[in-house]
Every structure is written in structure tokens, then in C-alpha cells.
């Protein structure tokens, strides 16, 4: 036999249990999303997926775009509002949107309805990756695995290439 069969792992987008936080985390008001990372549940190594549930009035993360990774949004239930570089649109269950890397892929999802919204974000998992937050003028460097080199900073903190070198 050429290949050894690996037991297929699966999860269901509609019925997957999403843990609830007992209390607020370190997120500010308006960002109380519930989430579960699906990749580890199904044995994924190259693609990531997170299922989010947004209560009314909440967003999953600040407006941002990424370098090094592409993301897809799949709306499972509800009507999230998608902020993007040219405005805002209300989406419906079944809508799929691609967020390409770079400024053209900037996005933020908010639930402006009275019903809970459920959606999946799929992503390539290139590491390191850079996220840019235009509203706060921040940059973040994310590295999978060892997080010691992760960094979030404001662009204004930039230094010259040669600063501190001898």
C-alpha cells in the first residue's frame, strides 16, 4: 500500500459548540465575540478556521488587513455587517467573501441586528504574518507556535534601520 489512511476528523459548522466566556476578557466593550478554532479539531496544519458567534452589537476584531495570509469569510447564520475599504455591506447566511492580503482585504465584522451571528473565517497559515490596523495606526507581527517574537506597535514607534547598531 502506498499510503497509510489517517482517520478523518470532522466538525460541523452548524452545531459546533462555541465556548462562552464566564466574564469579560481583555477586550474592550463591543468586542465580546465567542470563538472556537476548528483547525486543531480536524487535524489541519496548512489552513486555519475559526467559528465566531457575535451577540448583538459586538464585533470580532478591529478593522485590519494582513500581509502573508489570505482569509475567507463564510456566513453561517444571521446578517453581519462587513466594513471594507469602500464602505459597508450587510451579508446573509451563505455569503462567502475573500479578503486578499494587503489593503484591499481590510475588513471588520459587526453584528448590528438583534439575532446572534455565526460565521467562519478560513485562513492560510503563513508564519510570520503581519496585520495592519489602519484606525489605530498599529502593526502586529504574528508567529505561529512560539509567541515570544509576536509584536504589536504603533507605526510612530519606528526607528531607523541603523539605530543602536555599532
Protein backbone atom coordinates (compact mmCIF):
# COMPACT_ATOMS: atom_id res chain seq x y z
CA UNK A 1 0.00 0.00 0.00
CA UNK A 2 1.37 3.41 -0.98
CA UNK A 3 -0.47 5.45 1.61
CA UNK A 4 -1.48 4.91 5.20
CA UNK A 5 -5.05 6.01 5.81
CA UNK A 6 -5.37 8.62 8.53
CA UNK A 7 -8.63 8.67 10.45
CA UNK A 8 -10.60 11.66 9.15
CA UNK A 9 -11.58 14.16 11.83
CA UNK A 10 -14.59 16.37 11.36
CA UNK A 11 -16.55 19.22 12.88
CA UNK A 12 -19.92 20.69 11.91
CA UNK A 13 -20.22 24.43 11.16
CA UNK A 14 -23.83 24.50 12.31
CA UNK A 15 -23.63 22.54 15.56
CA UNK A 16 -20.07 23.04 16.78
CA UNK A 17 -20.10 24.09 20.44
CA UNK A 18 -18.56 27.51 20.92
CA UNK A 19 -17.32 28.08 24.47
CA UNK A 20 -18.76 31.07 26.31
CA UNK A 21 -16.53 33.24 28.43
CA UNK A 22 -17.50 33.39 32.09
CA UNK A 23 -16.63 37.07 32.21
CA UNK A 24 -15.00 39.72 30.10
CA UNK A 25 -11.52 39.06 28.80
CA UNK A 26 -9.08 41.79 27.98
CA UNK A 27 -11.14 43.02 25.02
CA UNK A 28 -12.80 46.45 25.20
CA UNK A 29 -16.59 46.90 25.10
CA UNK A 30 -18.00 45.99 21.68
CA UNK A 31 -15.66 43.04 21.08
CA UNK A 32 -17.29 40.25 23.06
CA UNK A 33 -17.17 37.58 20.34
CA UNK A 34 -17.25 33.89 21.17
CA UNK A 35 -14.96 31.68 19.10
CA UNK A 36 -13.54 28.23 18.60
CA UNK A 37 -10.54 27.32 16.44
CA UNK A 38 -11.51 24.46 14.15
CA UNK A 39 -8.12 23.60 12.60
CA UNK A 40 -6.82 21.73 15.67
CA UNK A 41 -10.13 19.84 15.98
CA UNK A 42 -9.80 18.37 12.49
CA UNK A 43 -6.02 17.98 12.33
CA UNK A 44 -5.31 20.86 9.93
CA UNK A 45 -1.74 22.05 9.52
CA UNK A 46 -1.78 24.43 6.49
CA UNK A 47 -5.19 26.10 6.80
CA UNK A 48 -6.85 27.64 9.82
CA UNK A 49 -10.51 28.18 10.57
CA UNK A 50 -12.29 29.89 13.42
CA UNK A 51 -16.03 29.85 14.03
CA UNK A 52 -17.32 33.04 15.63
CA UNK A 53 -20.60 33.89 17.29
CA UNK A 54 -21.34 37.58 17.67
CA UNK A 55 -24.05 38.73 20.07
CA UNK A 56 -25.96 41.85 19.10
CA UNK A 57 -23.79 44.97 18.96
CA UNK A 58 -20.46 43.11 19.01
CA UNK A 59 -17.50 42.82 16.59
CA UNK A 60 -14.94 40.04 16.34
CA UNK A 61 -11.83 42.20 15.90
CA UNK A 62 -10.71 45.70 14.89
CA UNK A 63 -10.64 46.81 11.24
CA UNK A 64 -7.46 45.32 9.74
CA UNK A 65 -5.70 43.73 6.78
CA UNK A 66 -2.89 41.23 6.58
CA UNK A 67 0.31 40.56 4.71
CA UNK A 68 1.31 36.93 4.30
CA UNK A 69 -2.16 35.41 4.59
CA UNK A 70 -5.45 35.35 2.74
CA UNK A 71 -8.75 34.95 4.59
CA UNK A 72 -12.22 33.80 3.59
CA UNK A 73 -15.45 34.65 5.38
CA UNK A 74 -18.38 32.21 5.25
CA UNK A 75 -21.61 33.45 6.85
CA UNK A 76 -23.38 30.54 8.56
CA UNK A 77 -26.30 32.33 10.25
CA UNK A 78 -27.53 35.86 10.75
CA UNK A 79 -26.74 39.13 8.97
CA UNK A 80 -23.32 40.55 9.87
CA UNK A 81 -22.23 43.98 8.68
CA UNK A 82 -18.93 43.89 6.81
CA UNK A 83 -16.81 47.03 6.81
CA UNK A 84 -14.38 47.02 3.87
CA UNK A 85 -12.18 49.60 2.07
CA UNK A 86 -15.05 51.15 0.07
CA UNK A 87 -17.87 51.06 2.62
CA UNK A 88 -20.07 48.63 4.49
CA UNK A 89 -22.42 45.84 3.39
CA UNK A 90 -24.88 43.63 5.23
CA UNK A 91 -24.27 39.96 4.46
CA UNK A 92 -26.63 36.99 4.75
CA UNK A 93 -26.24 33.29 5.52
CA UNK A 94 -24.45 31.55 2.67
CA UNK A 95 -22.38 34.59 1.60
CA UNK A 96 -18.67 33.94 1.03
CA UNK A 97 -16.12 36.75 0.82
CA UNK A 98 -12.37 36.63 0.18
CA UNK A 99 -10.05 39.05 1.97
CA UNK A 100 -6.87 39.14 -0.15
CA UNK A 101 -3.64 40.11 1.52
CA UNK A 102 -2.88 43.81 1.65
CA UNK A 103 -5.06 46.93 1.98
CA UNK A 104 -7.68 45.65 -0.49
CA UNK A 105 -8.53 42.90 2.03
CA UNK A 106 -9.22 45.21 5.00
CA UNK A 107 -12.26 44.14 6.99
CA UNK A 108 -14.23 44.19 10.23
CA UNK A 109 -17.41 42.27 11.07
CA UNK A 110 -20.08 43.66 13.39
CA UNK A 111 -23.49 42.36 14.39
CA UNK A 112 -25.92 45.29 14.06
CA UNK A 113 -29.02 43.05 14.39
CA UNK A 114 -30.90 41.61 17.39
CA UNK A 115 -30.07 37.99 16.48
CA UNK A 116 -26.79 36.16 17.04
CA UNK A 117 -24.50 35.98 14.01
CA UNK A 118 -22.36 32.89 13.28
CA UNK A 119 -19.59 32.85 10.70
CA UNK A 120 -16.36 31.10 9.83
CA UNK A 121 -13.05 32.71 8.93
CA UNK A 122 -10.70 30.46 6.99
CA UNK A 123 -7.09 31.47 6.57
CA UNK A 124 -3.81 30.33 5.16
CA UNK A 125 -1.30 29.88 7.98
CA UNK A 126 1.89 31.53 6.77
CA UNK A 127 4.21 32.47 9.59
CA UNK A 128 5.21 35.06 10.39
CA UNK A 129 2.30 37.23 9.30
CA UNK A 130 1.79 40.97 9.59
CA UNK A 131 -1.53 42.61 10.43
CA UNK A 132 -2.13 46.33 9.89
CA UNK A 133 -4.76 48.22 11.90
CA UNK A 134 -5.45 51.47 9.97
CA UNK A 135 -7.78 53.03 12.57
CA UNK A 136 -5.18 52.91 15.34
CA UNK A 137 -2.12 53.03 13.05
CA UNK A 138 -0.72 49.83 14.56
CA UNK A 139 1.25 46.93 13.09
CA UNK A 140 1.30 43.41 14.51
CA UNK A 141 3.72 40.60 13.77
CA UNK A 142 2.25 37.18 14.50
CA UNK A 143 4.28 33.98 14.60
CA UNK A 144 2.70 30.54 14.92
CA UNK A 145 3.87 28.40 17.79
CA UNK A 146 6.43 30.32 19.83
CA UNK A 147 4.79 33.67 20.60
CA UNK A 148 7.85 35.34 22.19
CA UNK A 149 8.55 37.28 18.99
CA UNK A 150 4.95 38.48 18.48
CA UNK A 151 4.83 42.25 18.46
CA UNK A 152 2.15 44.95 18.32
CA UNK A 153 3.37 48.52 17.91
CA UNK A 154 2.32 51.86 16.54
CA UNK A 155 3.92 52.99 13.29
CA UNK A 156 5.12 56.14 15.08
CA UNK A 157 7.46 53.93 17.16
CA UNK A 158 9.50 53.07 14.06
CA UNK A 159 13.27 53.52 14.31
CA UNK A 160 15.95 53.88 11.66
CA UNK A 161 17.47 50.61 10.38
CA UNK A 162 20.88 51.53 11.82
CA UNK A 163 19.68 52.82 15.22
CA UNK A 164 21.52 51.04 18.03
CA UNK A 165 23.92 49.22 15.73
CA UNK A 166 27.68 49.55 16.12
